C-alpha atoms as a PDB file:
ATOM      1  CA  MET A   1     -18.523  -1.829  -2.086  1.00  0.00           C
ATOM      2  CA  LYS A   2     -17.403  -0.442  -6.161  1.00  0.00           C
ATOM      3  CA  GLN A   3     -17.351   2.799  -5.251  1.00  0.00           C
ATOM      4  CA  LEU A   4     -14.842   1.893  -2.635  1.00  0.00           C
ATOM      5  CA  ALA A   5     -12.743   0.320  -4.618  1.00  0.00           C
ATOM      6  CA  LEU A   6     -12.174   2.853  -7.200  1.00  0.00           C
ATOM      7  CA  ILE A   7     -11.970   5.487  -4.826  1.00  0.00           C
ATOM      8  CA  SER A   8      -9.272   3.858  -2.548  1.00  0.00           C
ATOM      9  CA  GLY A   9      -7.818   3.070  -5.102  1.00  0.00           C
ATOM     10  CA  SER A  10      -8.092   6.893  -6.346  1.00  0.00           C
ATOM     11  CA  ILE A  11      -6.741   7.972  -3.429  1.00  0.00           C
ATOM     12  CA  LEU A  12      -3.963   5.659  -2.531  1.00  0.00           C
ATOM     13  CA  GLY A  13      -2.923   6.887  -6.482  1.00  0.00           C
ATOM     14  CA  ILE A  14      -2.906  10.261  -5.396  1.00  0.00           C
ATOM     15  CA  LEU A  15      -1.213   9.699  -2.224  1.00  0.00           C
ATOM     16  CA  SER A  16       1.879   7.472  -4.091  1.00  0.00           C
ATOM     17  CA  ILE A  17       2.493  10.266  -6.505  1.00  0.00           C
ATOM     18  CA  VAL A  18       2.446  12.670  -4.322  1.00  0.00           C
ATOM     19  CA  PHE A  19       4.582  10.855  -1.955  1.00  0.00           C
ATOM     20  CA  GLY A  20       6.870   9.378  -4.969  1.00  0.00           C
ATOM     21  CA  ALA A  21       7.815  13.620  -5.382  1.00  0.00           C
ATOM     22  CA  PHE A  22       8.040  14.223  -2.533  1.00  0.00           C
ATOM     23  CA  GLY A  23      11.399  11.054  -1.952  1.00  0.00           C
ATOM     24  CA  ALA A  24      12.456  11.854  -5.083  1.00  0.00           C
ATOM     25  CA  HIS A  25      13.359  15.392  -4.265  1.00  0.00           C
ATOM     26  CA  ALA A  26      12.503  16.825  -0.615  1.00  0.00           C
ATOM     27  CA  LEU A  27      13.279  13.698   1.509  1.00  0.00           C
ATOM     28  CA  LYS A  28      17.245  12.646  -0.981  1.00  0.00           C
ATOM     29  CA  LYS A  29      18.722  15.865   1.346  1.00  0.00           C
ATOM     30  CA  VAL A  30      16.933  14.599   4.884  1.00  0.00           C
ATOM     31  CA  LEU A  31      17.110  10.612   4.432  1.00  0.00           C
ATOM     32  CA  SER A  32      20.344   8.305   4.050  1.00  0.00           C
ATOM     33  CA  GLU A  33      20.037   6.275   0.766  1.00  0.00           C
ATOM     34  CA  ASP A  34      19.271   2.860   2.770  1.00  0.00           C
ATOM     35  CA  ARG A  35      15.846   4.991   4.520  1.00  0.00           C
ATOM     36  CA  LEU A  36      15.069   6.215   0.571  1.00  0.00           C
ATOM     37  CA  SER A  37      15.510   2.951  -0.947  1.00  0.00           C
ATOM     38  CA  SER A  38      12.894   1.654   1.437  1.00  0.00           C
ATOM     39  CA  PHE A  39      10.877   4.472   1.041  1.00  0.00           C
ATOM     40  CA  GLU A  40      10.409   4.233  -2.272  1.00  0.00           C
ATOM     41  CA  VAL A  41       9.632   0.243  -1.846  1.00  0.00           C
ATOM     42  CA  GLY A  42       6.809   1.617   0.027  1.00  0.00           C
ATOM     43  CA  VAL A  43       5.634   4.027  -2.604  1.00  0.00           C
ATOM     44  CA  ARG A  44       6.074   1.613  -5.168  1.00  0.00           C
ATOM     45  CA  TYR A  45       3.643  -0.997  -3.720  1.00  0.00           C
ATOM     46  CA  GLN A  46       1.203   1.912  -3.081  1.00  0.00           C
ATOM     47  CA  MET A  47       0.922   2.456  -6.326  1.00  0.00           C
ATOM     48  CA  TYR A  48       0.294  -1.409  -6.883  1.00  0.00           C
ATOM     49  CA  ALA A  49      -2.149  -1.356  -4.844  1.00  0.00           C
ATOM     50  CA  ALA A  50      -4.105   1.576  -6.302  1.00  0.00           C
ATOM     51  CA  LEU A  51      -3.829   0.148  -9.902  1.00  0.00           C
ATOM     52  CA  THR A  52      -5.070  -2.766  -8.513  1.00  0.00           C
ATOM     53  CA  LEU A  53      -8.058  -1.706  -7.169  1.00  0.00           C
ATOM     54  CA  LEU A  54      -9.651   0.632  -9.836  1.00  0.00           C
ATOM     55  CA  LEU A  55      -9.084  -2.727 -11.614  1.00  0.00           C
ATOM     56  CA  ILE A  56     -10.749  -4.411  -8.675  1.00  0.00           C
ATOM     57  CA  GLY A  57     -13.349  -1.628  -9.300  1.00  0.00           C
ATOM     58  CA  TYR A  58     -14.182  -1.520 -12.829  1.00  0.00           C
ATOM     59  CA  ASN A  59     -14.000  -5.925 -13.170  1.00  0.00           C
ATOM     60  CA  PHE A  60     -15.628  -7.071 -10.394  1.00  0.00           C
ATOM     61  CA  GLN A  61     -19.820  -7.183  -9.295  1.00  0.00           C
ATOM     62  CA  PHE A  62     -19.663  -7.785  -5.999  1.00  0.00           C
ATOM     63  CA  VAL A  63     -22.159 -10.228  -5.822  1.00  0.00           C
ATOM     64  CA  ASP A  64     -19.482 -12.591  -3.224  1.00  0.00           C
ATOM     65  CA  SER A  65     -19.005 -11.887  -0.459  1.00  0.00           C
ATOM     66  CA  TYR A  66     -15.284 -12.813  -1.424  1.00  0.00           C
ATOM     67  CA  GLU A  67     -14.765 -10.201  -3.587  1.00  0.00           C
ATOM     68  CA  ARG A  68     -15.265  -7.521  -1.034  1.00  0.00           C
ATOM     69  CA  TRP A  69     -12.344  -9.299   0.910  1.00  0.00           C
ATOM     70  CA  ALA A  70     -10.021  -8.610  -1.899  1.00  0.00           C
ATOM     71  CA  VAL A  71     -10.751  -5.119  -1.482  1.00  0.00           C
ATOM     72  CA  TYR A  72     -10.324  -5.061   2.301  1.00  0.00           C
ATOM     73  CA  GLY A  73      -7.186  -7.784   1.212  1.00  0.00           C
ATOM     74  CA  ILE A  74      -5.402  -4.564  -1.147  1.00  0.00           C
ATOM     75  CA  LEU A  75      -5.567  -1.579   0.464  1.00  0.00           C
ATOM     76  CA  TYR A  76      -5.460  -2.588   4.111  1.00  0.00           C
ATOM     77  CA  GLY A  77      -2.595  -4.557   3.203  1.00  0.00           C
ATOM     78  CA  CYS A  78      -0.995  -1.269   1.433  1.00  0.00           C
ATOM     79  CA  ILE A  79      -2.012   0.791   4.712  1.00  0.00           C
ATOM     80  CA  LEU A  80      -0.334  -1.726   6.974  1.00  0.00           C
ATOM     81  CA  PHE A  81       2.796  -2.303   4.738  1.00  0.00           C
ATOM     82  CA  SER A  82       3.205   1.106   2.960  1.00  0.00           C
ATOM     83  CA  GLY A  83       2.438   2.833   5.417  1.00  0.00           C
ATOM     84  CA  SER A  84       4.627   0.946   8.496  1.00  0.00           C
ATOM     85  CA  ILE A  85       7.605   1.571   5.608  1.00  0.00           C
ATOM     86  CA  TYR A  86       7.040   5.736   5.413  1.00  0.00           C
ATOM     87  CA  LEU A  87       7.480   5.680   9.396  1.00  0.00           C
ATOM     88  CA  LEU A  88       9.983   3.067   9.266  1.00  0.00           C
ATOM     89  CA  SER A  89      12.104   5.381   7.039  1.00  0.00           C
ATOM     90  CA  PHE A  90      11.702   8.585   9.039  1.00  0.00           C
ATOM     91  CA  LYS A  91      12.957   6.765  12.143  1.00  0.00           C
ATOM     92  CA  ASP A  92      16.596   7.643  12.460  1.00  0.00           C
ATOM     93  CA  LEU A  93      15.760  11.558  11.056  1.00  0.00           C
ATOM     94  CA  TRP A  94      13.072  11.201  13.946  1.00  0.00           C
ATOM     95  CA  LYS A  95      15.319   9.637  16.793  1.00  0.00           C
ATOM     96  CA  VAL A  96      12.829   7.076  17.312  1.00  0.00           C
ATOM     97  CA  ASN A  97      12.637   3.624  18.587  1.00  0.00           C
ATOM     98  CA  LEU A  98       9.878   2.314  15.724  1.00  0.00           C
ATOM     99  CA  CYS A  99      11.003  -1.007  16.005  1.00  0.00           C
ATOM    100  CA  PHE A 100       6.703  -2.070  16.812  1.00  0.00           C
ATOM    101  CA  LEU A 101       6.128  -1.105  13.615  1.00  0.00           C
ATOM    102  CA  GLY A 102       8.561  -4.090  12.304  1.00  0.00           C
ATOM    103  CA  PRO A 103       5.742  -6.722  12.601  1.00  0.00           C
ATOM    104  CA  ILE A 104       3.466  -4.480  10.975  1.00  0.00           C
ATOM    105  CA  THR A 105       4.873  -4.170   7.278  1.00  0.00           C
ATOM    106  CA  PRO A 106       4.716  -8.254   7.151  1.00  0.00           C
ATOM    107  CA  LEU A 107       0.983  -8.058   8.183  1.00  0.00           C
ATOM    108  CA  GLY A 108      -0.085  -5.906   5.753  1.00  0.00           C
ATOM    109  CA  GLY A 109       1.474  -8.366   3.057  1.00  0.00           C
ATOM    110  CA  VAL A 110       0.289 -11.171   3.782  1.00  0.00           C
ATOM    111  CA  PHE A 111      -3.296  -8.625   4.136  1.00  0.00           C
ATOM    112  CA  MET A 112      -2.668  -8.439   0.182  1.00  0.00           C
ATOM    113  CA  ILE A 113      -1.504 -11.205  -0.498  1.00  0.00           C
ATOM    114  CA  ILE A 114      -4.468 -12.749   0.921  1.00  0.00           C
ATOM    115  CA  GLY A 115      -6.697 -10.063  -1.877  1.00  0.00           C
ATOM    116  CA  TRP A 116      -4.139 -11.811  -4.469  1.00  0.00           C
ATOM    117  CA  LEU A 117      -5.410 -15.031  -3.731  1.00  0.00           C
ATOM    118  CA  ILE A 118      -9.097 -14.063  -4.077  1.00  0.00           C
ATOM    119  CA  ILE A 119      -8.688 -12.025  -7.470  1.00  0.00           C
ATOM    120  CA  LEU A 120      -7.183 -15.091  -8.630  1.00  0.00           C
ATOM    121  CA  VAL A 121      -9.738 -17.809  -7.121  1.00  0.00           C
ATOM    122  CA  THR A 122     -12.582 -14.818  -8.583  1.00  0.00           C
ATOM    123  CA  PHE A 123     -10.826 -15.720 -12.404  1.00  0.00           C
ATOM    124  CA  LEU A 124     -10.959 -19.070 -11.701  1.00  0.00           C
END
Protein backbone atom coordinates (compact mmCIF):
# COMPACT_ATOMS: atom_id res chain seq x y z
CA MET A 1 0.00 0.00 0.00
CA LYS A 2 2.91 2.30 0.75
CA GLN A 3 4.17 1.76 -2.78
CA LEU A 4 0.72 2.49 -4.27
CA ALA A 5 0.54 5.77 -2.36
CA LEU A 6 4.04 6.85 -3.40
CA ILE A 7 3.77 5.79 -7.05
CA SER A 8 0.27 7.21 -7.56
CA GLY A 9 1.30 10.43 -5.80
CA SER A 10 4.31 10.72 -8.09
CA ILE A 11 2.26 10.06 -11.22
CA LEU A 12 -0.45 12.53 -10.20
CA GLY A 13 2.24 15.12 -9.48
CA ILE A 14 3.90 14.64 -12.86
CA LEU A 15 0.57 14.83 -14.68
CA SER A 16 -0.41 17.90 -12.69
CA ILE A 17 2.68 19.74 -13.91
CA VAL A 18 2.09 18.57 -17.50
CA PHE A 19 -1.60 19.53 -17.42
CA GLY A 20 -0.83 22.86 -15.77
CA ALA A 21 1.73 23.77 -18.41
CA PHE A 22 -0.60 22.56 -21.15
CA GLY A 23 -3.41 24.68 -19.74
CA ALA A 24 -1.26 27.76 -19.32
CA HIS A 25 0.05 27.64 -22.87
CA ALA A 26 -1.95 25.55 -25.34
CA LEU A 27 -5.42 25.77 -23.84
CA LYS A 28 -5.43 29.55 -23.38
CA LYS A 29 -6.11 29.86 -27.09
CA VAL A 30 -8.96 27.34 -27.32
CA LEU A 31 -10.87 27.45 -24.01
CA SER A 32 -12.95 30.29 -22.66
CA GLU A 33 -11.65 32.04 -19.57
CA ASP A 34 -14.32 30.32 -17.47
CA ARG A 35 -13.45 26.84 -18.79
CA LEU A 36 -9.73 27.48 -18.38
CA SER A 37 -10.33 28.54 -14.79
CA SER A 38 -12.19 25.28 -14.15
CA PHE A 39 -9.36 23.32 -15.74
CA GLU A 40 -6.89 25.05 -13.42
CA VAL A 41 -9.00 24.06 -10.39
CA GLY A 42 -8.69 20.44 -11.50
CA VAL A 43 -4.91 20.81 -11.81
CA ARG A 44 -4.64 22.44 -8.39
CA TYR A 45 -6.63 19.75 -6.62
CA GLN A 46 -4.70 17.06 -8.45
CA MET A 47 -1.46 18.50 -7.10
CA TYR A 48 -2.95 18.64 -3.60
CA ALA A 49 -3.86 14.96 -3.94
CA ALA A 50 -0.39 14.11 -5.25
CA LEU A 51 1.35 15.77 -2.31
CA THR A 52 -1.08 14.23 0.15
CA LEU A 53 -0.48 10.74 -1.24
CA LEU A 54 3.27 11.24 -0.95
CA LEU A 55 2.90 12.36 2.67
CA ILE A 56 0.64 9.41 3.44
CA GLY A 57 3.06 7.02 1.76
CA TYR A 58 6.00 8.30 3.76
CA ASN A 59 4.25 8.60 7.12
CA PHE A 60 1.66 5.84 7.43
CA GLN A 61 2.65 2.33 8.44
CA PHE A 62 -0.50 0.78 6.91
CA VAL A 63 -1.02 -1.60 9.80
CA ASP A 64 -4.69 -0.62 10.10
CA SER A 65 -7.10 -1.10 7.22
CA TYR A 66 -8.51 2.42 7.51
CA GLU A 67 -5.11 3.84 6.54
CA ARG A 68 -5.52 2.12 3.16
CA TRP A 69 -8.89 3.81 2.78
CA ALA A 70 -7.21 7.19 3.12
CA VAL A 71 -5.15 6.36 0.03
CA TYR A 72 -8.20 5.07 -1.84
CA GLY A 73 -10.26 8.12 -0.92
CA ILE A 74 -7.63 10.62 -2.02
CA LEU A 75 -6.64 8.71 -5.17
CA TYR A 76 -10.09 7.79 -6.47
CA GLY A 77 -11.49 11.13 -5.36
CA CYS A 78 -8.84 12.94 -7.34
CA ILE A 79 -9.45 10.84 -10.43
CA LEU A 80 -13.20 11.48 -10.28
CA PHE A 81 -12.97 15.14 -9.24
CA SER A 82 -10.15 16.39 -11.44
CA GLY A 83 -10.90 14.00 -14.29
CA SER A 84 -14.51 15.14 -14.57
CA ILE A 85 -13.44 18.80 -14.40
CA TYR A 86 -10.93 18.24 -17.20
CA LEU A 87 -13.55 16.64 -19.41
CA LEU A 88 -16.19 19.25 -18.58
CA SER A 89 -13.70 21.99 -19.50
CA PHE A 90 -13.70 20.71 -23.07
CA LYS A 91 -17.45 20.29 -23.53
CA ASP A 92 -17.86 23.55 -25.47
CA LEU A 93 -14.83 22.88 -27.65
CA TRP A 94 -15.91 19.32 -28.42
CA LYS A 95 -19.57 20.35 -28.72
CA VAL A 96 -20.58 17.32 -26.70
CA ASN A 97 -23.16 17.11 -23.93
CA LEU A 98 -21.22 15.95 -20.88
CA CYS A 99 -23.85 16.86 -18.30
CA PHE A 100 -23.76 13.30 -16.96
CA LEU A 101 -20.32 14.17 -15.54
CA GLY A 102 -21.80 16.92 -13.34
CA PRO A 103 -22.57 14.57 -10.41
CA ILE A 104 -19.17 12.88 -10.72
CA THR A 105 -17.29 16.01 -9.62
CA PRO A 106 -18.90 16.29 -6.16
CA LEU A 107 -18.67 12.51 -5.71
CA GLY A 108 -14.92 12.80 -6.20
CA GLY A 109 -14.90 15.64 -3.68
CA VAL A 110 -16.72 13.46 -1.16
CA PHE A 111 -14.14 10.70 -1.64
CA MET A 112 -11.33 13.18 -1.02
CA ILE A 113 -13.08 14.50 2.10
CA ILE A 114 -13.40 10.93 3.37
CA GLY A 115 -9.68 10.42 2.73
CA TRP A 116 -8.88 13.57 4.70
CA LEU A 117 -11.18 12.55 7.55
CA ILE A 118 -9.37 9.23 7.78
CA ILE A 119 -6.07 11.10 7.88
CA LEU A 120 -7.44 13.19 10.74
CA VAL A 121 -8.60 10.09 12.62
CA THR A 122 -5.17 8.53 12.14
CA PHE A 123 -3.47 11.58 13.65
CA LEU A 124 -5.89 11.67 16.57
